[in-house]
Amino acid sequence: MATKLKLNLKLSTRSYIVVVSAVAVLVLIVSVLFGQGVVQTIILQTKVQVAKNTANSQLDKDKVAVNRLVANYQALDTNKTLLANALPTTPDMPGLIASLENMANTARIKLMSISPSQAQPTNGATVTSSGAAPQTVGVSLTVGGDYTGLHNFLTVLENSARPIRVTSIQISGNNSDLAIQMNITSYFMAESSLPFKTEIVK
């Protein structure tokens, strides 16, 4: 009877040790996993804070740049309209045609025909409204007059506020009755939007 009791006592002691060991291992595993979670949370919060600080710093710089830009624009005074006409935010084909008609009248020649083409990007860029790059618009036109008038017309084109580039030209007729068929290219740039975006910190 005493031997049996001693054996049961030993078994109970071993079971107790096994249970305590298992609980200790479980607690250790939970502690490690919890510790890793805390560390990952701290790392993520640090990354988020760094990203916020970077964004706030850039925003402060942008505010300073905007104030300078506004001040410089206001200082342009009467040149504001000139600059707006030089590089419009749309193809403004009616405005371009009206300008060409005025140039022809100034040079005292006759604008016989004019044919606009579709707006195209420059340097292979995509035509968008983001204002990423200047875009071109082409016009084919035919003008007639004497040598002096046509020479004056080319000079007026060269001095135009809105950039105009002659891409091809063909001349026919004689000195007093000339006809010029030319292709020209003008430029515009769509309004730019502020590059605000949401960034996911990982």
Protein backbone atom coordinates (compact mmCIF):
# COMPACT_ATOMS: atom_id res chain seq x y z
CA MET A 1 0.00 0.00 0.00
CA ALA A 2 2.83 2.37 0.87
CA THR A 3 4.66 1.46 -2.36
CA LYS A 4 1.56 2.14 -4.42
CA LEU A 5 1.11 5.54 -2.76
CA LYS A 6 4.73 6.44 -3.38
CA LEU A 7 4.38 5.46 -7.06
CA ASN A 8 1.27 7.61 -7.45
CA LEU A 9 3.08 10.48 -5.79
CA LYS A 10 5.98 10.19 -8.22
CA LEU A 11 3.59 10.11 -11.17
CA SER A 12 1.74 13.16 -9.86
CA THR A 13 5.04 15.00 -9.42
CA ARG A 14 6.12 14.16 -12.98
CA SER A 15 2.76 15.23 -14.36
CA TYR A 16 3.01 18.49 -12.46
CA ILE A 17 6.49 19.12 -13.87
CA VAL A 18 5.28 18.33 -17.41
CA VAL A 19 2.30 20.65 -17.07
CA VAL A 20 4.41 23.44 -15.60
CA SER A 21 6.99 23.02 -18.38
CA ALA A 22 4.29 23.07 -21.06
CA VAL A 23 2.74 26.21 -19.58
CA ALA A 24 6.17 27.85 -19.40
CA VAL A 25 6.87 27.01 -23.05
CA LEU A 26 3.43 28.33 -24.05
CA VAL A 27 3.98 31.55 -22.12
CA LEU A 28 7.39 31.93 -23.78
CA ILE A 29 5.92 31.44 -27.26
CA VAL A 30 3.12 33.94 -26.57
CA SER A 31 5.65 36.43 -25.21
CA VAL A 32 7.85 36.09 -28.30
CA LEU A 33 4.92 36.53 -30.68
CA PHE A 34 3.61 39.50 -28.69
CA GLY A 35 7.08 41.01 -28.62
CA GLN A 36 7.41 40.66 -32.41
CA GLY A 37 4.01 42.29 -32.88
CA VAL A 38 5.01 45.20 -30.65
CA VAL A 39 8.31 45.63 -32.51
CA GLN A 40 6.56 45.57 -35.91
CA THR A 41 4.02 48.11 -34.69
CA ILE A 42 6.77 50.40 -33.45
CA ILE A 43 8.65 50.08 -36.77
CA LEU A 44 5.48 50.87 -38.77
CA GLN A 45 4.63 53.87 -36.59
CA THR A 46 8.19 55.13 -37.03
CA LYS A 47 7.91 54.84 -40.82
CA VAL A 48 4.57 56.64 -40.77
CA GLN A 49 5.99 59.47 -38.68
CA VAL A 50 9.02 59.82 -40.96
CA ALA A 51 6.71 59.95 -44.00
CA LYS A 52 4.55 62.61 -42.32
CA ASN A 53 7.59 64.70 -41.44
CA THR A 54 8.84 64.47 -45.04
CA ALA A 55 5.43 65.45 -46.43
CA ASN A 56 5.12 68.39 -44.01
CA SER A 57 8.62 69.59 -44.91
CA GLN A 58 7.81 69.47 -48.64
CA LEU A 59 4.50 71.24 -48.03
CA ASP A 60 6.29 74.07 -46.21
CA LYS A 61 8.69 74.44 -49.16
CA ASP A 62 5.76 74.45 -51.60
CA LYS A 63 4.02 77.21 -49.62
CA VAL A 64 7.12 79.39 -49.84
CA ALA A 65 7.43 78.67 -53.57
CA VAL A 66 3.76 79.55 -54.17
CA ASN A 67 4.13 82.88 -52.39
CA ARG A 68 7.18 83.72 -54.50
CA LEU A 69 5.40 82.66 -57.68
CA VAL A 70 2.38 84.84 -56.89
CA ALA A 71 4.63 87.81 -56.12
CA ASN A 72 6.60 87.35 -59.35
CA TYR A 73 3.38 87.02 -61.37
CA GLN A 74 1.95 90.19 -59.89
CA ALA A 75 5.19 91.98 -60.78
CA LEU A 76 4.64 91.17 -64.47
CA ASP A 77 1.87 93.79 -64.61
CA THR A 78 0.95 94.39 -68.27
CA ASN A 79 3.05 91.44 -69.48
CA LYS A 80 0.57 88.95 -67.98
CA THR A 81 -1.61 88.94 -71.09
CA LEU A 82 1.43 88.63 -73.35
CA LEU A 83 2.64 85.54 -71.50
CA ALA A 84 -0.83 84.01 -71.47
CA ASN A 85 -1.05 84.45 -75.25
CA ALA A 86 2.45 83.10 -75.75
CA LEU A 87 1.62 79.66 -74.36
CA PRO A 88 -2.15 79.13 -73.96
CA THR A 89 -3.59 76.27 -71.93
CA THR A 90 -5.72 74.99 -74.84
CA PRO A 91 -5.11 74.70 -78.61
CA ASP A 92 -7.30 77.85 -78.97
CA MET A 93 -7.63 77.28 -82.71
CA PRO A 94 -10.08 80.19 -83.21
CA GLY A 95 -7.58 82.51 -81.53
CA LEU A 96 -4.71 81.16 -83.64
CA ILE A 97 -6.69 81.60 -86.87
CA ALA A 98 -7.64 85.14 -85.87
CA SER A 99 -3.97 85.90 -85.15
CA LEU A 100 -2.93 84.58 -88.56
CA GLU A 101 -5.59 86.71 -90.24
CA ASN A 102 -4.35 89.80 -88.38
CA MET A 103 -0.76 88.99 -89.37
CA ALA A 104 -1.81 88.69 -93.01
CA ASN A 105 -3.59 92.05 -92.83
CA THR A 106 -0.56 93.63 -91.16
CA ALA A 107 1.70 92.33 -93.95
CA ARG A 108 -0.88 93.41 -96.56
CA ILE A 109 -1.25 90.01 -98.14
CA LYS A 110 -4.28 87.80 -98.73
CA LEU A 111 -4.96 84.73 -96.58
CA MET A 112 -6.51 82.46 -99.20
CA SER A 113 -7.02 79.22 -97.23
CA ILE A 114 -6.36 77.78 -93.80
CA SER A 115 -6.77 74.24 -92.48
CA PRO A 116 -6.03 73.28 -88.85
CA SER A 117 -4.97 69.80 -87.72
CA GLN A 118 -5.50 67.85 -84.50
CA ALA A 119 -3.39 68.63 -81.45
CA GLN A 120 -0.37 66.35 -81.02
CA PRO A 121 2.11 65.78 -78.16
CA THR A 122 5.76 66.76 -78.47
CA ASN A 123 8.63 64.27 -78.18
CA GLY A 124 6.31 61.27 -78.17
CA ALA A 125 4.44 62.33 -75.02
CA THR A 126 0.78 61.45 -74.53
CA VAL A 127 -1.81 64.18 -75.02
CA THR A 128 -3.29 64.70 -71.54
CA SER A 129 -4.56 67.53 -69.36
CA SER A 130 -1.81 67.12 -66.81
CA GLY A 131 0.40 69.75 -68.40
CA ALA A 132 3.38 67.40 -68.33
CA ALA A 133 4.78 68.63 -71.66
CA PRO A 134 4.03 71.20 -74.38
CA GLN A 135 1.70 69.99 -77.12
CA THR A 136 1.58 71.07 -80.73
CA VAL A 137 -1.16 72.07 -83.11
CA GLY A 138 -0.54 72.29 -86.85
CA VAL A 139 -2.04 74.56 -89.48
CA SER A 140 -1.80 74.43 -93.27
CA LEU A 141 -2.35 77.77 -94.98
CA THR A 142 -1.98 79.47 -98.32
CA VAL A 143 -1.27 83.18 -98.66
CA GLY A 144 -0.85 85.36 -101.73
CA GLY A 145 0.76 88.70 -102.50
CA ASP A 146 3.94 90.30 -103.77
CA TYR A 147 7.47 89.55 -102.58
CA THR A 148 7.55 92.38 -100.02
CA GLY A 149 4.21 91.40 -98.49
CA LEU A 150 5.16 87.74 -98.15
CA HIS A 151 8.52 88.68 -96.65
CA ASN A 152 6.74 90.88 -94.14
CA PHE A 153 4.32 88.05 -93.31
CA LEU A 154 7.18 85.67 -92.49
CA THR A 155 8.74 88.38 -90.32
CA VAL A 156 5.47 88.86 -88.43
CA LEU A 157 5.23 85.10 -87.91
CA GLU A 158 8.74 85.06 -86.50
CA ASN A 159 7.94 87.87 -84.06
CA SER A 160 4.60 86.42 -82.94
CA ALA A 161 3.99 86.30 -79.16
CA ARG A 162 2.68 82.76 -79.55
CA PRO A 163 5.49 80.47 -80.75
CA ILE A 164 5.02 79.54 -84.41
CA ARG A 165 7.41 77.33 -86.35
CA VAL A 166 7.29 76.98 -90.14
CA THR A 167 7.74 73.27 -90.94
CA SER A 168 7.42 73.43 -94.73
CA ILE A 169 6.98 76.06 -97.42
CA GLN A 170 6.32 76.07 -101.17
CA ILE A 171 6.44 79.23 -103.33
CA SER A 172 4.94 79.65 -106.79
CA GLY A 173 4.24 82.56 -109.17
CA ASN A 174 6.26 85.66 -110.02
CA ASN A 175 7.59 88.61 -108.04
CA SER A 176 4.36 90.63 -108.10
CA ASP A 177 1.95 87.70 -107.76
CA LEU A 178 3.31 85.03 -105.46
CA ALA A 179 1.52 82.25 -103.62
CA ILE A 180 2.97 80.50 -100.58
CA GLN A 181 1.63 77.22 -99.28
CA MET A 182 3.07 76.50 -95.83
CA ASN A 183 2.63 74.24 -92.85
CA ILE A 184 3.17 75.79 -89.44
CA THR A 185 3.22 74.45 -85.89
CA SER A 186 2.19 76.28 -82.74
CA TYR A 187 2.28 75.21 -79.10
CA PHE A 188 0.11 75.09 -76.01
CA MET A 189 0.38 73.52 -72.57
CA ALA A 190 -2.57 72.23 -70.56
CA GLU A 191 -3.04 73.52 -67.04
CA SER A 192 -1.02 71.57 -64.49
CA SER A 193 -2.64 69.99 -61.46
CA LEU A 194 -0.96 69.78 -58.07
CA PRO A 195 0.62 66.33 -57.59
CA PHE A 196 -1.22 65.47 -54.37
CA LYS A 197 -1.52 61.75 -53.65
CA THR A 198 -2.11 59.25 -50.88
CA GLU A 199 0.82 57.02 -49.99
CA ILE A 200 0.52 53.68 -48.19
CA VAL A 201 3.34 53.13 -45.71
CA LYS A 202 4.40 49.49 -45.43
